[in-house]
């Protein structure tokens, strides 16, 4: 069965709303649950620090509006979006023999309009902008990476703003002078928060790419078929 036939069959074979969107719903719900747990635990830790310093504790509702909570959240968000931004653009050109995370070795690059179903090669069910021949096609052809890049820059900027606010609050509690935003961007606190997340995301990507060459997960599109050769590249289970 060709890739086009598999795609059409998958489009026609629809289940209910929950089944058709279960991946997004499960991970979206898990995100909210974990975020709520982070707020509860972070609130307890924040109040412990206030108690040690002889200051009045605050409620959970007030804590989730603090810069301390905001910087802890956004420093993780920015690294996740950076990971996917680099991965989306990097996998256009970068290859890994034997990994389902890589394209086939002869397909490095943006591929032809025919392969990507652009312009005259667009089908009736293709997104409208894929069938155009102007700036809309160029933008839509890179829209996933562009949006991921914007989300990364937005969340990284939010981290810097929340980070300097949290840093200055700590400075004032210690009777030290606060710093400005530009000054904070060159301080170890900002880069420590940033780099500790970047290194973990890059490690996770590298581990997934190389481990998927030799290990399998039956039924997962992130894995090759269990019986596929280790050298099979760009093959999904």
Protein backbone atom coordinates (compact mmCIF):
# COMPACT_ATOMS: atom_id res chain seq x y z
CA UNK A 1 0.00 0.00 0.00
CA UNK A 2 1.40 3.40 -0.99
CA UNK A 3 1.84 6.32 1.39
CA UNK A 4 -0.99 8.19 -0.37
CA UNK A 5 -3.34 5.24 0.04
CA UNK A 6 -2.47 4.93 3.74
CA UNK A 7 -3.09 8.64 4.21
CA UNK A 8 -6.47 8.54 2.47
CA UNK A 9 -7.53 5.48 4.44
CA UNK A 10 -6.52 7.19 7.69
CA UNK A 11 -8.52 10.28 6.71
CA UNK A 12 -11.65 8.28 5.92
CA UNK A 13 -11.45 6.04 8.99
CA UNK A 14 -12.74 8.43 11.63
CA UNK A 15 -13.81 7.58 15.15
CA UNK A 16 -15.48 9.74 17.75
CA UNK A 17 -14.15 13.11 18.90
CA UNK A 18 -12.32 11.67 21.91
CA UNK A 19 -10.61 8.95 19.90
CA UNK A 20 -9.68 11.25 17.03
CA UNK A 21 -8.12 13.78 19.41
CA UNK A 22 -7.01 11.53 22.27
CA UNK A 23 -3.30 12.32 21.90
CA UNK A 24 -3.85 16.06 22.29
CA UNK A 25 -6.50 15.65 24.98
CA UNK A 26 -4.46 13.28 27.14
CA UNK A 27 -1.27 15.30 26.98
CA UNK A 28 -3.14 18.60 27.35
CA UNK A 29 -4.91 17.31 30.45
CA UNK A 30 -1.68 15.90 31.85
CA UNK A 31 -0.04 19.29 31.29
CA UNK A 32 -2.73 21.08 33.31
CA UNK A 33 -2.55 18.51 36.12
CA UNK A 34 1.23 18.74 36.35
CA UNK A 35 1.12 22.55 36.17
CA UNK A 36 -1.35 22.59 39.05
CA UNK A 37 0.90 20.25 41.05
CA UNK A 38 3.87 22.50 40.32
CA UNK A 39 1.89 25.46 41.64
CA UNK A 40 1.01 23.64 44.87
CA UNK A 41 4.56 22.42 45.51
CA UNK A 42 6.11 25.71 44.47
CA UNK A 43 3.74 27.57 46.77
CA UNK A 44 4.81 25.43 49.72
CA UNK A 45 8.49 25.95 48.93
CA UNK A 46 7.99 29.70 48.48
CA UNK A 47 6.26 30.00 51.84
CA UNK A 48 9.02 28.02 53.52
CA UNK A 49 11.53 30.56 52.23
CA UNK A 50 9.36 33.44 53.46
CA UNK A 51 9.07 31.84 56.89
CA UNK A 52 12.83 31.40 57.15
CA UNK A 53 13.27 35.08 56.32
CA UNK A 54 10.65 36.07 58.90
CA UNK A 55 8.17 37.32 56.30
CA UNK A 56 4.43 36.78 56.01
CA UNK A 57 3.34 33.81 53.91
CA UNK A 58 0.95 34.13 50.97
CA UNK A 59 -1.95 32.11 49.58
CA UNK A 60 -1.87 29.84 46.53
CA UNK A 61 -3.88 32.27 44.42
CA UNK A 62 -1.40 35.04 45.12
CA UNK A 63 1.57 32.75 44.51
CA UNK A 64 0.55 31.85 40.96
CA UNK A 65 0.68 35.56 40.07
CA UNK A 66 4.22 36.00 41.40
CA UNK A 67 7.33 36.33 39.29
CA UNK A 68 8.81 33.30 41.04
CA UNK A 69 6.10 31.03 39.68
CA UNK A 70 6.16 32.70 36.26
CA UNK A 71 9.90 32.30 35.78
CA UNK A 72 9.83 28.65 36.86
CA UNK A 73 7.11 27.92 34.30
CA UNK A 74 8.44 29.93 31.37
CA UNK A 75 12.02 28.70 31.68
CA UNK A 76 10.71 25.22 30.92
CA UNK A 77 8.38 26.35 28.16
CA UNK A 78 11.08 28.19 26.24
CA UNK A 79 13.39 25.18 26.21
CA UNK A 80 10.62 22.89 24.94
CA UNK A 81 9.74 25.22 22.10
CA UNK A 82 13.43 25.67 21.29
CA UNK A 83 13.78 21.90 21.11
CA UNK A 84 10.98 21.56 18.57
CA UNK A 85 12.07 24.64 16.63
CA UNK A 86 15.56 23.20 16.16
CA UNK A 87 14.19 19.74 15.47
CA UNK A 88 11.67 20.89 12.86
CA UNK A 89 14.26 22.86 10.91
CA UNK A 90 17.21 20.58 11.63
CA UNK A 91 15.53 17.45 10.30
CA UNK A 92 15.12 19.12 6.90
CA UNK A 93 18.86 18.65 6.29
CA UNK A 94 20.30 16.52 9.10
CA UNK A 95 20.09 12.74 8.85
CA UNK A 96 20.64 9.69 11.04
CA UNK A 97 21.04 6.34 9.34
CA UNK A 98 18.66 3.80 10.84
CA UNK A 99 16.47 6.25 12.78
CA UNK A 100 12.73 6.70 12.16
CA UNK A 101 13.25 10.28 13.37
CA UNK A 102 15.29 10.96 10.22
CA UNK A 103 14.20 11.26 6.61
CA UNK A 104 15.50 8.71 4.16
CA UNK A 105 19.14 9.39 3.36
CA UNK A 106 18.49 10.50 -0.23
CA UNK A 107 15.82 13.02 0.82
CA UNK A 108 17.93 15.64 2.60
CA UNK A 109 16.69 19.15 1.89
CA UNK A 110 13.28 20.77 1.31
CA UNK A 111 12.29 18.20 -1.38
CA UNK A 112 10.53 18.92 -4.66
CA UNK A 113 7.13 20.57 -5.12
CA UNK A 114 5.80 17.23 -6.34
CA UNK A 115 6.93 15.41 -3.20
CA UNK A 116 5.56 18.18 -1.00
CA UNK A 117 2.31 18.54 -3.01
CA UNK A 118 2.80 22.23 -3.66
CA UNK A 119 1.45 24.47 -6.41
CA UNK A 120 0.23 22.43 -9.37
CA UNK A 121 0.85 19.22 -7.41
CA UNK A 122 -1.55 20.14 -4.59
CA UNK A 123 -4.54 17.84 -4.17
CA UNK A 124 -8.17 18.71 -3.59
CA UNK A 125 -7.77 18.09 0.14
CA UNK A 126 -4.47 20.00 0.45
CA UNK A 127 -4.43 23.18 2.58
CA UNK A 128 -5.41 26.18 0.45
CA UNK A 129 -2.08 27.96 0.77
CA UNK A 130 -0.20 24.85 -0.41
CA UNK A 131 -1.77 25.30 -3.84
CA UNK A 132 -0.71 28.92 -4.25
CA UNK A 133 2.46 30.09 -5.98
CA UNK A 134 3.28 33.25 -4.05
CA UNK A 135 4.42 34.31 -0.57
CA UNK A 136 1.60 32.36 1.05
CA UNK A 137 3.11 29.08 -0.10
CA UNK A 138 6.56 30.09 1.13
CA UNK A 139 5.19 31.07 4.53
CA UNK A 140 2.95 28.04 4.93
CA UNK A 141 5.79 25.73 3.84
CA UNK A 142 7.70 26.85 6.93
CA UNK A 143 4.79 27.71 9.22
CA UNK A 144 5.43 24.99 11.80
CA UNK A 145 9.03 26.05 12.35
CA UNK A 146 8.10 29.74 12.29
CA UNK A 147 5.42 29.32 14.95
CA UNK A 148 7.71 27.19 17.13
CA UNK A 149 10.41 29.83 16.80
CA UNK A 150 7.98 32.60 17.78
CA UNK A 151 6.74 30.59 20.76
CA UNK A 152 10.34 30.05 21.84
CA UNK A 153 11.22 33.74 21.58
CA UNK A 154 7.99 34.74 23.33
CA UNK A 155 8.43 32.34 26.24
CA UNK A 156 12.15 33.13 26.52
CA UNK A 157 11.32 36.83 26.66
CA UNK A 158 8.67 36.12 29.29
CA UNK A 159 11.28 34.17 31.27
CA UNK A 160 13.64 37.13 31.18
CA UNK A 161 10.96 39.57 32.36
CA UNK A 162 9.72 37.29 35.13
CA UNK A 163 13.30 36.36 35.98
CA UNK A 164 14.47 39.91 36.55
CA UNK A 165 11.39 40.61 38.68
CA UNK A 166 12.04 37.52 40.83
CA UNK A 167 15.74 38.34 41.05
CA UNK A 168 15.06 41.92 42.12
CA UNK A 169 12.58 40.79 44.77
CA UNK A 170 15.27 38.57 46.22
CA UNK A 171 17.77 41.42 46.05
CA UNK A 172 15.43 43.74 47.94
CA UNK A 173 14.73 41.13 50.62
CA UNK A 174 18.49 40.92 51.13
CA UNK A 175 18.75 44.73 51.22
CA UNK A 176 20.70 44.81 47.96
CA UNK A 177 20.18 47.00 44.92
CA UNK A 178 17.89 45.69 42.15
CA UNK A 179 19.09 45.43 38.55
CA UNK A 180 17.57 46.41 35.23
CA UNK A 181 16.34 44.01 32.56
CA UNK A 182 19.33 44.50 30.26
CA UNK A 183 21.73 44.00 33.15
CA UNK A 184 19.91 40.85 34.23
CA UNK A 185 20.39 39.29 30.78
CA UNK A 186 24.14 38.98 31.37
CA UNK A 187 23.88 37.68 34.94
CA UNK A 188 24.55 34.02 35.82
CA UNK A 189 21.01 33.62 37.21
CA UNK A 190 19.44 34.14 33.77
CA UNK A 191 21.87 31.91 31.90
CA UNK A 192 21.88 29.21 34.57
CA UNK A 193 18.09 28.94 34.30
CA UNK A 194 18.33 28.93 30.51
CA UNK A 195 21.22 26.56 29.87
CA UNK A 196 20.18 23.91 32.38
CA UNK A 197 17.01 23.49 30.34
CA UNK A 198 18.66 23.67 26.93
CA UNK A 199 21.15 20.93 27.69
CA UNK A 200 18.43 18.55 28.90
CA UNK A 201 16.30 19.10 25.79
CA UNK A 202 19.24 18.56 23.43
CA UNK A 203 20.22 15.41 25.31
CA UNK A 204 16.67 14.06 25.02
CA UNK A 205 16.58 14.66 21.26
CA UNK A 206 19.98 13.07 20.68
CA UNK A 207 19.03 10.07 22.84
CA UNK A 208 15.72 9.57 21.01
CA UNK A 209 17.37 9.74 17.60
CA UNK A 210 20.12 7.23 18.30
CA UNK A 211 18.17 4.86 20.57
CA UNK A 212 15.40 4.52 17.99
CA UNK A 213 17.97 3.03 15.62
CA UNK A 214 18.36 -0.07 17.78
CA UNK A 215 15.32 -0.16 20.07
CA UNK A 216 11.63 -0.61 19.18
CA UNK A 217 8.19 0.20 20.56
CA UNK A 218 5.52 -1.88 18.91
CA UNK A 219 2.70 0.18 17.44
CA UNK A 220 4.32 3.58 17.97
CA UNK A 221 4.90 5.92 15.01
CA UNK A 222 8.03 7.09 16.81
CA UNK A 223 9.55 3.63 16.35
CA UNK A 224 10.38 1.46 13.38
CA UNK A 225 8.44 -1.81 13.00
CA UNK A 226 9.83 -4.32 15.47
CA UNK A 227 11.26 -6.48 12.71
CA UNK A 228 12.78 -3.64 10.68
CA UNK A 229 16.52 -3.72 10.12
CA UNK A 230 18.67 -1.41 12.22
CA UNK A 231 19.81 0.31 9.03
CA UNK A 232 16.26 1.10 7.86
CA UNK A 233 15.92 4.88 7.83
CA UNK A 234 12.78 7.02 7.87
CA UNK A 235 10.53 3.98 8.45
CA UNK A 236 7.75 4.29 11.02
CA UNK A 237 5.99 1.47 12.86
